[in-house]
Amino acid sequence: MAGRRPLPTKLHKLHGNPGKRPLNTQEPQPQAGMPDCPDHLDTLAREEWNRIAPELNRLGLLSKPR
């Protein structure tokens, strides 16, 4: 597909939808929630996961795998 990639609907709403185009109502919505820490992470990486994952989850940047 040529041209710019479409922005997610949430970003259109944040920017105020300046083009006044209809918003996508069929956009897939990932399941909210914090996924488990990946098994392959070493000790230092697990500490970082435990530090940053709750904040990313609070901001809605994490989702559970299907």
Foldseek 3Di string as FASTA:
>chain_A
DDDDDDDAQVVCVVVVVVVPDDHDPPDDDAAQDQEDDDPPDDPVVVVVCVVCRVVCSVVVNDGYDD
